Amino acid sequence: MAALNTQEVYFWATQGGAELDLLFFSGGRRFGVEFKFNEAPKVSKSMQSALTDLSLAHLWVVYPGAVRYAVHEKITMMPLAEIAGLPAEILK
């Protein structure tokens, strides 16, 4: 996370089973990253819960596919090969 220039990086989970693999803060905003090993990940209730409960500015779902696409105004499916570009995404 040194590339994101943040010291606050967390795993988040609720008693109800919702979880987020990576929660971090940058520029006063909250961001999330979820890692999936599925070639066609779908938005889960857990992701929706994280967006709402944590007031995320954006959530990226990193997956092994080759195509980047938005599934929601605040959720982007990001190929693993593009993960190095995440810091630039934060600064947008």
PDB file of N, CA and C in Angstrom:
ATOM      1  N   MET A   1       0.814  -1.190   0.000  1.00  0.00           N
ATOM      2  CA  MET A   1       0.000   0.000   0.000  1.00  0.00           C
ATOM      3  C   MET A   1       0.858   1.254   0.000  1.00  0.00           C
ATOM      4  N   ALA A   2       2.160   1.104  -0.015  1.00  0.00           N
ATOM      5  CA  ALA A   2       3.033   2.273  -0.046  1.00  0.00           C
ATOM      6  C   ALA A   2       2.748   3.126  -1.284  1.00  0.00           C
ATOM      7  N   ALA A   3       2.378   2.496  -2.383  1.00  0.00           N
ATOM      8  CA  ALA A   3       2.075   3.241  -3.608  1.00  0.00           C
ATOM      9  C   ALA A   3       0.865   4.144  -3.433  1.00  0.00           C
ATOM     10  N   LEU A   4      -0.018   3.796  -2.504  1.00  0.00           N
ATOM     11  CA  LEU A   4      -1.201   4.608  -2.244  1.00  0.00           C
ATOM     12  C   LEU A   4      -0.951   5.651  -1.163  1.00  0.00           C
ATOM     13  N   ASN A   5       0.216   5.600  -0.546  1.00  0.00           N
ATOM     14  CA  ASN A   5       0.607   6.588   0.451  1.00  0.00           C
ATOM     15  C   ASN A   5      -0.369   6.636   1.621  1.00  0.00           C
ATOM     16  N   THR A   6      -0.697   5.486   2.150  1.00  0.00           N
ATOM     17  CA  THR A   6      -1.619   5.415   3.281  1.00  0.00           C
ATOM     18  C   THR A   6      -1.116   4.414   4.310  1.00  0.00           C
ATOM     19  N   GLN A   7      -1.363   4.696   5.551  1.00  0.00           N
ATOM     20  CA  GLN A   7      -1.013   3.783   6.630  1.00  0.00           C
ATOM     21  C   GLN A   7      -2.241   3.056   7.153  1.00  0.00           C
ATOM     22  N   GLU A   8      -3.415   3.454   6.697  1.00  0.00           N
ATOM     23  CA  GLU A   8      -4.664   2.873   7.183  1.00  0.00           C
ATOM     24  C   GLU A   8      -5.243   1.903   6.156  1.00  0.00           C
ATOM     25  N   VAL A   9      -4.947   0.618   6.345  1.00  0.00           N
ATOM     26  CA  VAL A   9      -5.418  -0.428   5.451  1.00  0.00           C
ATOM     27  C   VAL A   9      -6.019  -1.535   6.317  1.00  0.00           C
ATOM     28  N   TYR A  10      -7.231  -1.959   5.994  1.00  0.00           N
ATOM     29  CA  TYR A  10      -7.954  -2.887   6.853  1.00  0.00           C
ATOM     30  C   TYR A  10      -8.691  -3.964   6.075  1.00  0.00           C
ATOM     31  N   PHE A  11      -8.994  -5.057   6.760  1.00  0.00           N
ATOM     32  CA  PHE A  11      -9.977  -6.047   6.331  1.00  0.00           C
ATOM     33  C   PHE A  11     -11.238  -5.685   7.104  1.00  0.00           C
ATOM     34  N   TRP A  12     -12.408  -5.766   6.464  1.00  0.00           N
ATOM     35  CA  TRP A  12     -13.658  -5.385   7.128  1.00  0.00           C
ATOM     36  C   TRP A  12     -14.637  -6.550   7.042  1.00  0.00           C
ATOM     37  N   ALA A  13     -15.320  -6.817   8.152  1.00  0.00           N
ATOM     38  CA  ALA A  13     -16.333  -7.883   8.167  1.00  0.00           C
ATOM     39  C   ALA A  13     -17.407  -7.549   9.197  1.00  0.00           C
ATOM     40  N   THR A  14     -18.600  -8.077   8.956  1.00  0.00           N
ATOM     41  CA  THR A  14     -19.706  -7.898   9.895  1.00  0.00           C
ATOM     42  C   THR A  14     -20.097  -9.257  10.463  1.00  0.00           C
ATOM     43  N   GLN A  15     -20.849  -9.236  11.552  1.00  0.00           N
ATOM     44  CA  GLN A  15     -21.348 -10.489  12.122  1.00  0.00           C
ATOM     45  C   GLN A  15     -22.288 -11.193  11.160  1.00  0.00           C
ATOM     46  N   GLY A  16     -22.944 -10.420  10.312  1.00  0.00           N
ATOM     47  CA  GLY A  16     -23.880 -10.985   9.350  1.00  0.00           C
ATOM     48  C   GLY A  16     -23.213 -11.680   8.174  1.00  0.00           C
ATOM     49  N   GLY A  17     -21.885 -11.597   8.087  1.00  0.00           N
ATOM     50  CA  GLY A  17     -21.170 -12.302   7.030  1.00  0.00           C
ATOM     51  C   GLY A  17     -20.647 -11.427   5.901  1.00  0.00           C
ATOM     52  N   ALA A  18     -21.036 -10.155   5.853  1.00  0.00           N
ATOM     53  CA  ALA A  18     -20.503  -9.272   4.809  1.00  0.00           C
ATOM     54  C   ALA A  18     -19.031  -9.019   5.101  1.00  0.00           C
ATOM     55  N   GLU A  19     -18.223  -8.942   4.038  1.00  0.00           N
ATOM     56  CA  GLU A  19     -16.814  -8.648   4.229  1.00  0.00           C
ATOM     57  C   GLU A  19     -16.231  -7.938   3.022  1.00  0.00           C
ATOM     58  N   LEU A  20     -15.108  -7.291   3.262  1.00  0.00           N
ATOM     59  CA  LEU A  20     -14.385  -6.567   2.220  1.00  0.00           C
ATOM     60  C   LEU A  20     -12.917  -6.910   2.406  1.00  0.00           C
ATOM     61  N   ASP A  21     -12.257  -7.374   1.344  1.00  0.00           N
ATOM     62  CA  ASP A  21     -10.871  -7.810   1.457  1.00  0.00           C
ATOM     63  C   ASP A  21      -9.920  -6.683   1.837  1.00  0.00           C
ATOM     64  N   LEU A  22     -10.165  -5.491   1.335  1.00  0.00           N
ATOM     65  CA  LEU A  22      -9.262  -4.376   1.589  1.00  0.00           C
ATOM     66  C   LEU A  22     -10.051  -3.081   1.694  1.00  0.00           C
ATOM     67  N   LEU A  23      -9.936  -2.417   2.807  1.00  0.00           N
ATOM     68  CA  LEU A  23     -10.544  -1.099   3.044  1.00  0.00           C
ATOM     69  C   LEU A  23      -9.411  -0.146   3.338  1.00  0.00           C
ATOM     70  N   PHE A  24      -9.366   0.972   2.622  1.00  0.00           N
ATOM     71  CA  PHE A  24      -8.318   1.950   2.891  1.00  0.00           C
ATOM     72  C   PHE A  24      -8.843   3.360   2.714  1.00  0.00           C
ATOM     73  N   PHE A  25      -8.109   4.294   3.275  1.00  0.00           N
ATOM     74  CA  PHE A  25      -8.480   5.702   3.261  1.00  0.00           C
ATOM     75  C   PHE A  25      -7.421   6.476   2.486  1.00  0.00           C
ATOM     76  N   SER A  26      -7.858   7.400   1.662  1.00  0.00           N
ATOM     77  CA  SER A  26      -6.938   8.245   0.898  1.00  0.00           C
ATOM     78  C   SER A  26      -7.646   9.555   0.586  1.00  0.00           C
ATOM     79  N   GLY A  27      -6.986  10.651   0.903  1.00  0.00           N
ATOM     80  CA  GLY A  27      -7.568  11.961   0.621  1.00  0.00           C
ATOM     81  C   GLY A  27      -8.885  12.190   1.337  1.00  0.00           C
ATOM     82  N   GLY A  28      -9.049  11.607   2.508  1.00  0.00           N
ATOM     83  CA  GLY A  28     -10.281  11.777   3.266  1.00  0.00           C
ATOM     84  C   GLY A  28     -11.450  10.953   2.763  1.00  0.00           C
ATOM     85  N   ARG A  29     -11.200  10.066   1.801  1.00  0.00           N
ATOM     86  CA  ARG A  29     -12.261   9.214   1.253  1.00  0.00           C
ATOM     87  C   ARG A  29     -11.965   7.749   1.562  1.00  0.00           C
ATOM     88  N   ARG A  30     -13.015   6.928   1.536  1.00  0.00           N
ATOM     89  CA  ARG A  30     -12.895   5.497   1.794  1.00  0.00           C
ATOM     90  C   ARG A  30     -13.011   4.730   0.490  1.00  0.00           C
ATOM     91  N   PHE A  31     -12.152   3.736   0.333  1.00  0.00           N
ATOM     92  CA  PHE A  31     -12.138   2.908  -0.867  1.00  0.00           C
ATOM     93  C   PHE A  31     -12.090   1.444  -0.476  1.00  0.00           C
ATOM     94  N   GLY A  32     -12.569   0.595  -1.368  1.00  0.00           N
ATOM     95  CA  GLY A  32     -12.536  -0.830  -1.117  1.00  0.00           C
ATOM     96  C   GLY A  32     -12.024  -1.604  -2.314  1.00  0.00           C
ATOM     97  N   VAL A  33     -11.406  -2.746  -2.009  1.00  0.00           N
ATOM     98  CA  VAL A  33     -10.955  -3.671  -3.048  1.00  0.00           C
ATOM     99  C   VAL A  33     -11.384  -5.066  -2.624  1.00  0.00           C
ATOM    100  N   GLU A  34     -11.982  -5.767  -3.544  1.00  0.00           N
ATOM    101  CA  GLU A  34     -12.406  -7.139  -3.336  1.00  0.00           C
ATOM    102  C   GLU A  34     -11.685  -7.976  -4.392  1.00  0.00           C
ATOM    103  N   PHE A  35     -11.178  -9.137  -4.015  1.00  0.00           N
ATOM    104  CA  PHE A  35     -10.479 -10.018  -4.942  1.00  0.00           C
ATOM    105  C   PHE A  35     -11.338 -11.242  -5.211  1.00  0.00           C
ATOM    106  N   LYS A  36     -11.557 -11.538  -6.488  1.00  0.00           N
ATOM    107  CA  LYS A  36     -12.371 -12.692  -6.890  1.00  0.00           C
ATOM    108  C   LYS A  36     -11.564 -13.551  -7.854  1.00  0.00           C
ATOM    109  N   PHE A  37     -11.748 -14.856  -7.780  1.00  0.00           N
ATOM    110  CA  PHE A  37     -11.046 -15.773  -8.673  1.00  0.00           C
ATOM    111  C   PHE A  37     -11.961 -16.281  -9.777  1.00  0.00           C
ATOM    112  N   ASN A  38     -13.079 -15.628  -9.970  1.00  0.00           N
ATOM    113  CA  ASN A  38     -14.075 -15.981 -10.967  1.00  0.00           C
ATOM    114  C   ASN A  38     -13.843 -15.141 -12.222  1.00  0.00           C
ATOM    115  N   GLU A  39     -13.981 -15.736 -13.378  1.00  0.00           N
ATOM    116  CA  GLU A  39     -13.798 -15.007 -14.645  1.00  0.00           C
ATOM    117  C   GLU A  39     -14.916 -13.999 -14.922  1.00  0.00           C
ATOM    118  N   ALA A  40     -16.049 -14.160 -14.273  1.00  0.00           N
ATOM    119  CA  ALA A  40     -17.181 -13.249 -14.474  1.00  0.00           C
ATOM    120  C   ALA A  40     -17.824 -12.935 -13.125  1.00  0.00           C
ATOM    121  N   PRO A  41     -17.126 -12.173 -12.274  1.00  0.00           N
ATOM    122  CA  PRO A  41     -17.686 -11.886 -10.946  1.00  0.00           C
ATOM    123  C   PRO A  41     -18.942 -11.039 -11.034  1.00  0.00           C
ATOM    124  N   LYS A  42     -19.795 -11.214 -10.058  1.00  0.00           N
ATOM    125  CA  LYS A  42     -21.035 -10.447  -9.981  1.00  0.00           C
ATOM    126  C   LYS A  42     -21.033  -9.622  -8.695  1.00  0.00           C
ATOM    127  N   VAL A  43     -21.824  -8.581  -8.683  1.00  0.00           N
ATOM    128  CA  VAL A  43     -21.957  -7.758  -7.480  1.00  0.00           C
ATOM    129  C   VAL A  43     -22.700  -8.580  -6.440  1.00  0.00           C
ATOM    130  N   SER A  44     -22.103  -8.708  -5.280  1.00  0.00           N
ATOM    131  CA  SER A  44     -22.698  -9.513  -4.214  1.00  0.00           C
ATOM    132  C   SER A  44     -23.383  -8.622  -3.173  1.00  0.00           C
ATOM    133  N   LYS A  45     -24.182  -9.243  -2.322  1.00  0.00           N
ATOM    134  CA  LYS A  45     -24.804  -8.505  -1.227  1.00  0.00           C
ATOM    135  C   LYS A  45     -23.734  -7.931  -0.307  1.00  0.00           C
ATOM    136  N   SER A  46     -22.651  -8.658  -0.157  1.00  0.00           N
ATOM    137  CA  SER A  46     -21.536  -8.206   0.673  1.00  0.00           C
ATOM    138  C   SER A  46     -20.941  -6.911   0.115  1.00  0.00           C
ATOM    139  N   MET A  47     -20.771  -6.845  -1.190  1.00  0.00           N
ATOM    140  CA  MET A  47     -20.246  -5.624  -1.826  1.00  0.00           C
ATOM    141  C   MET A  47     -21.214  -4.462  -1.639  1.00  0.00           C
ATOM    142  N   GLN A  48     -22.490  -4.724  -1.831  1.00  0.00           N
ATOM    143  CA  GLN A  48     -23.497  -3.682  -1.659  1.00  0.00           C
ATOM    144  C   GLN A  48     -23.517  -3.186  -0.217  1.00  0.00           C
ATOM    145  N   SER A  49     -23.374  -4.107   0.718  1.00  0.00           N
ATOM    146  CA  SER A  49     -23.337  -3.748   2.124  1.00  0.00           C
ATOM    147  C   SER A  49     -22.122  -2.882   2.431  1.00  0.00           C
ATOM    148  N   ALA A  50     -20.971  -3.247   1.889  1.00  0.00           N
ATOM    149  CA  ALA A  50     -19.752  -2.461   2.109  1.00  0.00           C
ATOM    150  C   ALA A  50     -19.910  -1.050   1.546  1.00  0.00           C
ATOM    151  N   LEU A  51     -20.475  -0.933   0.355  1.00  0.00           N
ATOM    152  CA  LEU A  51     -20.699   0.400  -0.238  1.00  0.00           C
ATOM    153  C   LEU A  51     -21.548   1.269   0.677  1.00  0.00           C
ATOM    154  N   THR A  52     -22.625   0.709   1.163  1.00  0.00           N
ATOM    155  CA  THR A  52     -23.564   1.457   1.998  1.00  0.00           C
ATOM    156  C   THR A  52     -23.029   1.709   3.405  1.00  0.00           C
ATOM    157  N   ASP A  53     -22.643   0.629   4.081  1.00  0.00           N
ATOM    158  CA  ASP A  53     -22.231   0.736   5.478  1.00  0.00           C
ATOM    159  C   ASP A  53     -20.975   1.576   5.669  1.00  0.00           C
ATOM    160  N   LEU A  54     -20.060   1.488   4.717  1.00  0.00           N
ATOM    161  CA  LEU A  54     -18.785   2.204   4.844  1.00  0.00           C
ATOM    162  C   LEU A  54     -18.746   3.521   4.072  1.00  0.00           C
ATOM    163  N   SER A  55     -19.794   3.821   3.329  1.00  0.00           N
ATOM    164  CA  SER A  55     -19.846   5.023   2.486  1.00  0.00           C
ATOM    165  C   SER A  55     -18.606   5.111   1.587  1.00  0.00           C
ATOM    166  N   LEU A  56     -18.352   4.017   0.855  1.00  0.00           N
ATOM    167  CA  LEU A  56     -17.178   3.968  -0.011  1.00  0.00           C
ATOM    168  C   LEU A  56     -17.303   4.941  -1.171  1.00  0.00           C
ATOM    169  N   ALA A  57     -16.203   5.592  -1.495  1.00  0.00           N
ATOM    170  CA  ALA A  57     -16.162   6.446  -2.680  1.00  0.00           C
ATOM    171  C   ALA A  57     -16.136   5.574  -3.932  1.00  0.00           C
ATOM    172  N   HIS A  58     -15.447   4.409  -3.835  1.00  0.00           N
ATOM    173  CA  HIS A  58     -15.403   3.477  -4.957  1.00  0.00           C
ATOM    174  C   HIS A  58     -14.956   2.115  -4.465  1.00  0.00           C
ATOM    175  N   LEU A  59     -15.394   1.084  -5.189  1.00  0.00           N
ATOM    176  CA  LEU A  59     -15.016  -0.297  -4.906  1.00  0.00           C
ATOM    177  C   LEU A  59     -14.527  -0.930  -6.200  1.00  0.00           C
ATOM    178  N   TRP A  60     -13.335  -1.502  -6.143  1.00  0.00           N
ATOM    179  CA  TRP A  60     -12.783  -2.230  -7.288  1.00  0.00           C
ATOM    180  C   TRP A  60     -12.838  -3.707  -6.980  1.00  0.00           C
ATOM    181  N   VAL A  61     -13.264  -4.479  -7.957  1.00  0.00           N
ATOM    182  CA  VAL A  61     -13.270  -5.929  -7.844  1.00  0.00           C
ATOM    183  C   VAL A  61     -12.188  -6.425  -8.788  1.00  0.00           C
ATOM    184  N   VAL A  62     -11.108  -6.930  -8.221  1.00  0.00           N
ATOM    185  CA  VAL A  62      -9.972  -7.410  -9.006  1.00  0.00           C
ATOM    186  C   VAL A  62     -10.219  -8.882  -9.320  1.00  0.00           C
ATOM    187  N   TYR A  63     -10.122  -9.211 -10.605  1.00  0.00           N
ATOM    188  CA  TYR A  63     -10.425 -10.576 -11.040  1.00  0.00           C
ATOM    189  C   TYR A  63      -9.467 -10.989 -12.152  1.00  0.00           C
ATOM    190  N   PRO A  64      -9.359 -12.278 -12.492  1.00  0.00           N
ATOM    191  CA  PRO A  64      -8.361 -12.740 -13.454  1.00  0.00           C
ATOM    192  C   PRO A  64      -8.711 -12.515 -14.927  1.00  0.00           C
ATOM    193  N   GLY A  65      -9.790 -11.835 -15.224  1.00  0.00           N
ATOM    194  CA  GLY A  65     -10.188 -11.585 -16.607  1.00  0.00           C
ATOM    195  C   GLY A  65      -9.332 -10.526 -17.278  1.00  0.00           C
ATOM    196  N   ALA A  66      -9.718 -10.149 -18.488  1.00  0.00           N
ATOM    197  CA  ALA A  66      -8.931  -9.212 -19.280  1.00  0.00           C
ATOM    198  C   ALA A  66      -9.643  -7.896 -19.573  1.00  0.00           C
ATOM    199  N   VAL A  67     -10.905  -7.775 -19.169  1.00  0.00           N
ATOM    200  CA  VAL A  67     -11.697  -6.599 -19.533  1.00  0.00           C
ATOM    201  C   VAL A  67     -12.094  -5.809 -18.292  1.00  0.00           C
ATOM    202  N   ARG A  68     -11.860  -4.503 -18.348  1.00  0.00           N
ATOM    203  CA  ARG A  68     -12.308  -3.607 -17.282  1.00  0.00           C
ATOM    204  C   ARG A  68     -13.701  -3.128 -17.645  1.00  0.00           C
ATOM    205  N   TYR A  69     -14.589  -3.144 -16.660  1.00  0.00           N
ATOM    206  CA  TYR A  69     -15.939  -2.648 -16.919  1.00  0.00           C
ATOM    207  C   TYR A  69     -16.605  -2.213 -15.623  1.00  0.00           C
ATOM    208  N   ALA A  70     -17.483  -1.245 -15.751  1.00  0.00           N
ATOM    209  CA  ALA A  70     -18.245  -0.751 -14.604  1.00  0.00           C
ATOM    210  C   ALA A  70     -19.540  -1.550 -14.505  1.00  0.00           C
ATOM    211  N   VAL A  71     -19.905  -1.919 -13.279  1.00  0.00           N
ATOM    212  CA  VAL A  71     -21.165  -2.618 -13.051  1.00  0.00           C
ATOM    213  C   VAL A  71     -22.111  -1.764 -12.219  1.00  0.00           C
ATOM    214  N   HIS A  72     -21.602  -0.642 -11.753  1.00  0.00           N
ATOM    215  CA  HIS A  72     -22.334   0.284 -10.904  1.00  0.00           C
ATOM    216  C   HIS A  72     -21.529   1.576 -10.948  1.00  0.00           C
ATOM    217  N   GLU A  73     -22.145   2.682 -10.644  1.00  0.00           N
ATOM    218  CA  GLU A  73     -21.400   3.948 -10.694  1.00  0.00           C
ATOM    219  C   GLU A  73     -20.218   3.970  -9.733  1.00  0.00           C
ATOM    220  N   LYS A  74     -20.247   3.099  -8.711  1.00  0.00           N
ATOM    221  CA  LYS A  74     -19.161   3.051  -7.735  1.00  0.00           C
ATOM    222  C   LYS A  74     -18.445   1.700  -7.676  1.00  0.00           C
ATOM    223  N   ILE A  75     -18.724   0.820  -8.627  1.00  0.00           N
ATOM    224  CA  ILE A  75     -18.069  -0.492  -8.642  1.00  0.00           C
ATOM    225  C   ILE A  75     -17.487  -0.756 -10.023  1.00  0.00           C
ATOM    226  N   THR A  76     -16.183  -1.046 -10.045  1.00  0.00           N
ATOM    227  CA  THR A  76     -15.501  -1.356 -11.294  1.00  0.00           C
ATOM    228  C   THR A  76     -14.847  -2.723 -11.194  1.00  0.00           C
ATOM    229  N   MET A  77     -15.071  -3.552 -12.210  1.00  0.00           N
ATOM    230  CA  MET A  77     -14.372  -4.825 -12.322  1.00  0.00           C
ATOM    231  C   MET A  77     -13.032  -4.516 -12.974  1.00  0.00           C
ATOM    232  N   MET A  78     -11.934  -4.886 -12.305  1.00  0.00           N
ATOM    233  CA  MET A  78     -10.593  -4.540 -12.775  1.00  0.00           C
ATOM    234  C   MET A  78      -9.760  -5.809 -12.971  1.00  0.00           C
ATOM    235  N   PRO A  79      -9.214  -6.006 -14.170  1.00  0.00           N
ATOM    236  CA  PRO A  79      -8.345  -7.165 -14.383  1.00  0.00           C
ATOM    237  C   PRO A  79      -7.119  -7.110 -13.463  1.00  0.00           C
ATOM    238  N   LEU A  80      -6.697  -8.250 -12.996  1.00  0.00           N
ATOM    239  CA  LEU A  80      -5.532  -8.330 -12.124  1.00  0.00           C
ATOM    240  C   LEU A  80      -4.311  -7.679 -12.777  1.00  0.00           C
ATOM    241  N   ALA A  81      -4.186  -7.811 -14.077  1.00  0.00           N
ATOM    242  CA  ALA A  81      -3.044  -7.233 -14.798  1.00  0.00           C
ATOM    243  C   ALA A  81      -2.977  -5.714 -14.671  1.00  0.00           C
ATOM    244  N   GLU A  82      -4.076  -5.062 -14.271  1.00  0.00           N
ATOM    245  CA  GLU A  82      -4.122  -3.605 -14.158  1.00  0.00           C
ATOM    246  C   GLU A  82      -3.980  -3.100 -12.719  1.00  0.00           C
ATOM    247  N   ILE A  83      -3.718  -3.989 -11.776  1.00  0.00           N
ATOM    248  CA  ILE A  83      -3.705  -3.604 -10.380  1.00  0.00           C
ATOM    249  C   ILE A  83      -2.655  -2.522 -10.087  1.00  0.00           C
ATOM    250  N   ALA A  84      -1.576  -2.490 -10.810  1.00  0.00           N
ATOM    251  CA  ALA A  84      -0.544  -1.470 -10.581  1.00  0.00           C
ATOM    252  C   ALA A  84      -1.068  -0.067 -10.878  1.00  0.00           C
ATOM    253  N   GLY A  85      -2.134   0.054 -11.649  1.00  0.00           N
ATOM    254  CA  GLY A  85      -2.727   1.339 -11.974  1.00  0.00           C
ATOM    255  C   GLY A  85      -3.703   1.848 -10.942  1.00  0.00           C
ATOM    256  N   LEU A  86      -3.928   1.083  -9.885  1.00  0.00           N
ATOM    257  CA  LEU A  86      -4.901   1.492  -8.867  1.00  0.00           C
ATOM    258  C   LEU A  86      -4.584   2.846  -8.233  1.00  0.00           C
ATOM    259  N   PRO A  87      -3.331   3.151  -7.885  1.00  0.00           N
ATOM    260  CA  PRO A  87      -3.068   4.478  -7.313  1.00  0.00           C
ATOM    261  C   PRO A  87      -3.529   5.635  -8.206  1.00  0.00           C
ATOM    262  N   ALA A  88      -3.385   5.502  -9.507  1.00  0.00           N
ATOM    263  CA  ALA A  88      -3.853   6.546 -10.433  1.00  0.00           C
ATOM    264  C   ALA A  88      -5.359   6.667 -10.391  1.00  0.00           C
ATOM    265  N   GLU A  89      -6.060   5.553 -10.193  1.00  0.00           N
ATOM    266  CA  GLU A  89      -7.523   5.571 -10.095  1.00  0.00           C
ATOM    267  C   GLU A  89      -7.973   6.378  -8.873  1.00  0.00           C
ATOM    268  N   ILE A  90      -7.236   6.257  -7.785  1.00  0.00           N
ATOM    269  CA  ILE A  90      -7.580   6.931  -6.540  1.00  0.00           C
ATOM    270  C   ILE A  90      -7.495   8.445  -6.697  1.00  0.00           C
ATOM    271  N   LEU A  91      -6.534   8.895  -7.486  1.00  0.00           N
ATOM    272  CA  LEU A  91      -6.302  10.329  -7.641  1.00  0.00           C
ATOM    273  C   LEU A  91      -7.283  11.010  -8.580  1.00  0.00           C
ATOM    274  N   LYS A  92      -8.109  10.236  -9.278  1.00  0.00           N
ATOM    275  CA  LYS A  92      -9.081  10.823 -10.218  1.00  0.00           C
ATOM    276  C   LYS A  92     -10.102  11.653  -9.496  1.00  0.00           C
TER     277      LYS A  92
END
